[in-house]
Amino acid sequence: MQTEKTLPEIRKTIVLNAPIEKVWKAVSTSEGIASWWMPNTFEPIVGRDFILHAGQFGDSPCKVTEIDPMNRVGFDWGKDWHLTFELKTLEDGKTEFTLIHSGWDAEKVTEFGQPHSVVRGIMDGGWEKIVKETLPANIEA
């Protein structure tokens, strides 16, 4: 149940001109995630801790919470956030990809002392570019 303090999740969906197996590899392997997002130590094992190497923001601790082959990858990111990558096969051999970034709270601040309400706006724009431009450029190439 959402409270008034809860900010809406970020949700980005795109149709990729690639088979689901190729998209799955891009969202469920360390090399795949690094190719369109950021370097990491991800392994597709539920309960496994890993690090996102977030450049100027340093390393972010994460934990894999869900691996549903060809369907979903979920992980906790930092102290408050949760990311989910959802895949769906479409009839024409294409794949629908949805990114869901949740865990936003108007009364919380990030590890860097920035209010969630500010960071959410920045991240929303960042995800827009990553999901709509960087991901397809790497997968459809």
C-alpha atoms as a PDB file:
ATOM      1  CA  MET A   1       0.000   0.000   0.000  1.00  0.00           C
ATOM      2  CA  GLN A   2       1.407   3.381  -0.965  1.00  0.00           C
ATOM      3  CA  THR A   3       1.528   6.098   1.642  1.00  0.00           C
ATOM      4  CA  GLU A   4       1.703   9.795   0.875  1.00  0.00           C
ATOM      5  CA  LYS A   5       5.423   9.627   1.583  1.00  0.00           C
ATOM      6  CA  THR A   6       5.938   7.057  -1.150  1.00  0.00           C
ATOM      7  CA  LEU A   7       6.960   8.492  -4.492  1.00  0.00           C
ATOM      8  CA  PRO A   8       5.874   6.668  -7.657  1.00  0.00           C
ATOM      9  CA  GLU A   9       8.179   4.038  -9.057  1.00  0.00           C
ATOM     10  CA  ILE A  10      10.076   4.787 -12.245  1.00  0.00           C
ATOM     11  CA  ARG A  11       8.809   2.544 -15.026  1.00  0.00           C
ATOM     12  CA  LYS A  12      10.272   2.462 -18.546  1.00  0.00           C
ATOM     13  CA  THR A  13       9.083   0.088 -21.272  1.00  0.00           C
ATOM     14  CA  ILE A  14      10.491  -0.424 -24.749  1.00  0.00           C
ATOM     15  CA  VAL A  15      10.029  -2.974 -27.532  1.00  0.00           C
ATOM     16  CA  LEU A  16      13.392  -4.323 -28.665  1.00  0.00           C
ATOM     17  CA  ASN A  17      13.969  -5.790 -32.105  1.00  0.00           C
ATOM     18  CA  ALA A  18      15.719  -8.857 -30.661  1.00  0.00           C
ATOM     19  CA  PRO A  19      14.780 -12.329 -29.447  1.00  0.00           C
ATOM     20  CA  ILE A  20      14.147 -12.751 -25.723  1.00  0.00           C
ATOM     21  CA  GLU A  21      17.253 -14.957 -25.318  1.00  0.00           C
ATOM     22  CA  LYS A  22      19.482 -12.081 -26.448  1.00  0.00           C
ATOM     23  CA  VAL A  23      17.734  -9.574 -24.188  1.00  0.00           C
ATOM     24  CA  TRP A  24      17.866 -12.002 -21.259  1.00  0.00           C
ATOM     25  CA  LYS A  25      21.639 -12.289 -21.651  1.00  0.00           C
ATOM     26  CA  ALA A  26      21.888  -8.477 -21.599  1.00  0.00           C
ATOM     27  CA  VAL A  27      19.945  -8.168 -18.320  1.00  0.00           C
ATOM     28  CA  SER A  28      21.066 -11.296 -16.446  1.00  0.00           C
ATOM     29  CA  THR A  29      24.862 -11.370 -16.873  1.00  0.00           C
ATOM     30  CA  SER A  30      27.579  -9.087 -15.569  1.00  0.00           C
ATOM     31  CA  GLU A  31      28.931  -8.447 -19.079  1.00  0.00           C
ATOM     32  CA  GLY A  32      25.453  -7.846 -20.452  1.00  0.00           C
ATOM     33  CA  ILE A  33      24.507  -5.300 -17.781  1.00  0.00           C
ATOM     34  CA  ALA A  34      27.878  -3.561 -18.175  1.00  0.00           C
ATOM     35  CA  SER A  35      27.293  -3.204 -21.931  1.00  0.00           C
ATOM     36  CA  TRP A  36      24.297  -0.888 -21.498  1.00  0.00           C
ATOM     37  CA  TRP A  37      24.375   0.363 -17.905  1.00  0.00           C
ATOM     38  CA  MET A  38      27.433   0.156 -15.639  1.00  0.00           C
ATOM     39  CA  PRO A  39      30.278  -2.175 -14.652  1.00  0.00           C
ATOM     40  CA  ASN A  40      29.329  -4.648 -11.932  1.00  0.00           C
ATOM     41  CA  THR A  41      30.034  -7.947 -10.213  1.00  0.00           C
ATOM     42  CA  PHE A  42      26.519  -9.338 -10.833  1.00  0.00           C
ATOM     43  CA  GLU A  43      25.892 -13.096 -10.822  1.00  0.00           C
ATOM     44  CA  PRO A  44      22.368 -14.449 -11.502  1.00  0.00           C
ATOM     45  CA  ILE A  45      22.034 -16.216  -8.141  1.00  0.00           C
ATOM     46  CA  VAL A  46      19.261 -15.265  -5.688  1.00  0.00           C
ATOM     47  CA  GLY A  47      20.750 -13.998  -2.433  1.00  0.00           C
ATOM     48  CA  ARG A  48      24.112 -13.135  -4.035  1.00  0.00           C
ATOM     49  CA  ASP A  49      25.632  -9.781  -3.073  1.00  0.00           C
ATOM     50  CA  PHE A  50      27.220  -7.748  -5.856  1.00  0.00           C
ATOM     51  CA  ILE A  51      28.574  -4.281  -6.562  1.00  0.00           C
ATOM     52  CA  LEU A  52      27.551  -1.694  -9.138  1.00  0.00           C
ATOM     53  CA  HIS A  53      30.574   0.456 -10.005  1.00  0.00           C
ATOM     54  CA  ALA A  54      28.803   3.806 -10.286  1.00  0.00           C
ATOM     55  CA  GLY A  55      31.732   5.932 -11.442  1.00  0.00           C
ATOM     56  CA  GLN A  56      31.872   9.251  -9.590  1.00  0.00           C
ATOM     57  CA  PHE A  57      29.289   7.953  -7.102  1.00  0.00           C
ATOM     58  CA  GLY A  58      31.520   5.071  -6.043  1.00  0.00           C
ATOM     59  CA  ASP A  59      30.474   1.472  -5.546  1.00  0.00           C
ATOM     60  CA  SER A  60      26.875   0.586  -4.676  1.00  0.00           C
ATOM     61  CA  PRO A  61      26.141  -2.611  -2.745  1.00  0.00           C
ATOM     62  CA  CYS A  62      23.341  -4.719  -4.225  1.00  0.00           C
ATOM     63  CA  LYS A  63      21.677  -8.084  -3.590  1.00  0.00           C
ATOM     64  CA  VAL A  64      19.922 -10.338  -6.102  1.00  0.00           C
ATOM     65  CA  THR A  65      16.319 -10.951  -4.983  1.00  0.00           C
ATOM     66  CA  GLU A  66      14.776 -12.651  -8.020  1.00  0.00           C
ATOM     67  CA  ILE A  67      15.895 -14.638 -11.048  1.00  0.00           C
ATOM     68  CA  ASP A  68      13.067 -15.982 -13.208  1.00  0.00           C
ATOM     69  CA  PRO A  69      14.801 -17.098 -16.434  1.00  0.00           C
ATOM     70  CA  MET A  70      13.606 -15.282 -19.551  1.00  0.00           C
ATOM     71  CA  ASN A  71      11.118 -13.280 -17.439  1.00  0.00           C
ATOM     72  CA  ARG A  72      12.464 -11.258 -14.507  1.00  0.00           C
ATOM     73  CA  VAL A  73      15.605 -10.116 -12.733  1.00  0.00           C
ATOM     74  CA  GLY A  74      15.206  -8.292  -9.413  1.00  0.00           C
ATOM     75  CA  PHE A  75      17.732  -6.806  -7.015  1.00  0.00           C
ATOM     76  CA  ASP A  76      18.047  -4.420  -4.108  1.00  0.00           C
ATOM     77  CA  TRP A  77      20.272  -1.426  -4.880  1.00  0.00           C
ATOM     78  CA  GLY A  78      21.868   0.489  -2.042  1.00  0.00           C
ATOM     79  CA  LYS A  79      19.876   0.943   1.143  1.00  0.00           C
ATOM     80  CA  ASP A  80      16.432   1.827  -0.241  1.00  0.00           C
ATOM     81  CA  TRP A  81      15.944   0.995  -3.912  1.00  0.00           C
ATOM     82  CA  HIS A  82      14.776  -2.043  -5.816  1.00  0.00           C
ATOM     83  CA  LEU A  83      15.253  -2.662  -9.541  1.00  0.00           C
ATOM     84  CA  THR A  84      13.311  -5.129 -11.649  1.00  0.00           C
ATOM     85  CA  PHE A  85      13.917  -5.972 -15.293  1.00  0.00           C
ATOM     86  CA  GLU A  86      10.877  -7.663 -16.878  1.00  0.00           C
ATOM     87  CA  LEU A  87      10.880  -9.372 -20.265  1.00  0.00           C
ATOM     88  CA  LYS A  88       7.991 -10.496 -22.420  1.00  0.00           C
ATOM     89  CA  THR A  89       8.115 -12.242 -25.813  1.00  0.00           C
ATOM     90  CA  LEU A  90       6.039 -10.588 -28.505  1.00  0.00           C
ATOM     91  CA  GLU A  91       4.540 -12.420 -31.480  1.00  0.00           C
ATOM     92  CA  ASP A  92       6.909 -11.005 -34.085  1.00  0.00           C
ATOM     93  CA  GLY A  93      10.100 -12.257 -32.392  1.00  0.00           C
ATOM     94  CA  LYS A  94      10.623  -8.967 -30.617  1.00  0.00           C
ATOM     95  CA  THR A  95      10.942  -8.541 -26.854  1.00  0.00           C
ATOM     96  CA  GLU A  96       9.220  -6.091 -24.541  1.00  0.00           C
ATOM     97  CA  PHE A  97      11.573  -4.854 -21.814  1.00  0.00           C
ATOM     98  CA  THR A  98      10.332  -3.006 -18.713  1.00  0.00           C
ATOM     99  CA  LEU A  99      12.551  -1.469 -16.065  1.00  0.00           C
ATOM    100  CA  ILE A 100      10.969  -0.744 -12.676  1.00  0.00           C
ATOM    101  CA  HIS A 101      12.933   1.323 -10.149  1.00  0.00           C
ATOM    102  CA  SER A 102      11.080   1.426  -6.825  1.00  0.00           C
ATOM    103  CA  GLY A 103      11.788   2.284  -3.204  1.00  0.00           C
ATOM    104  CA  TRP A 104      11.336   6.047  -3.416  1.00  0.00           C
ATOM    105  CA  ASP A 105      10.298   7.855  -0.230  1.00  0.00           C
ATOM    106  CA  ALA A 106       9.804  11.618   0.049  1.00  0.00           C
ATOM    107  CA  GLU A 107      11.165  11.598   3.591  1.00  0.00           C
ATOM    108  CA  LYS A 108      14.374   9.692   2.855  1.00  0.00           C
ATOM    109  CA  VAL A 109      17.765  10.764   1.537  1.00  0.00           C
ATOM    110  CA  THR A 110      20.334   8.737  -0.411  1.00  0.00           C
ATOM    111  CA  GLU A 111      23.690   7.623   0.927  1.00  0.00           C
ATOM    112  CA  PHE A 112      24.995  10.894  -0.545  1.00  0.00           C
ATOM    113  CA  GLY A 113      22.570  13.023   1.455  1.00  0.00           C
ATOM    114  CA  GLN A 114      20.326  13.956  -1.481  1.00  0.00           C
ATOM    115  CA  PRO A 115      16.537  13.839  -1.011  1.00  0.00           C
ATOM    116  CA  HIS A 116      14.820  10.968  -2.846  1.00  0.00           C
ATOM    117  CA  SER A 117      12.441  13.492  -4.409  1.00  0.00           C
ATOM    118  CA  VAL A 118      15.382  15.226  -6.146  1.00  0.00           C
ATOM    119  CA  VAL A 119      17.271  12.076  -7.109  1.00  0.00           C
ATOM    120  CA  ARG A 120      14.133  10.426  -8.492  1.00  0.00           C
ATOM    121  CA  GLY A 121      13.760  13.216 -11.056  1.00  0.00           C
ATOM    122  CA  ILE A 122      17.396  12.888 -12.122  1.00  0.00           C
ATOM    123  CA  MET A 123      17.177   9.101 -12.304  1.00  0.00           C
ATOM    124  CA  ASP A 124      13.927   9.235 -14.274  1.00  0.00           C
ATOM    125  CA  GLY A 125      15.693  11.218 -16.995  1.00  0.00           C
ATOM    126  CA  GLY A 126      18.721   8.962 -16.854  1.00  0.00           C
ATOM    127  CA  TRP A 127      16.659   5.799 -17.202  1.00  0.00           C
ATOM    128  CA  GLU A 128      14.756   7.348 -20.103  1.00  0.00           C
ATOM    129  CA  LYS A 129      18.019   7.704 -22.043  1.00  0.00           C
ATOM    130  CA  ILE A 130      19.463   4.346 -20.948  1.00  0.00           C
ATOM    131  CA  VAL A 131      16.333   2.301 -21.708  1.00  0.00           C
ATOM    132  CA  LYS A 132      15.269   4.115 -24.883  1.00  0.00           C
ATOM    133  CA  GLU A 133      18.728   4.738 -26.427  1.00  0.00           C
ATOM    134  CA  THR A 134      21.658   2.867 -24.846  1.00  0.00           C
ATOM    135  CA  LEU A 135      19.950  -0.507 -24.340  1.00  0.00           C
ATOM    136  CA  PRO A 136      18.563  -0.802 -27.904  1.00  0.00           C
ATOM    137  CA  ALA A 137      21.872   0.409 -29.381  1.00  0.00           C
ATOM    138  CA  ASN A 138      23.641  -2.468 -27.634  1.00  0.00           C
ATOM    139  CA  ILE A 139      21.018  -5.179 -28.154  1.00  0.00           C
ATOM    140  CA  GLU A 140      19.811  -4.437 -31.668  1.00  0.00           C
ATOM    141  CA  ALA A 141      23.312  -3.885 -33.100  1.00  0.00           C
END
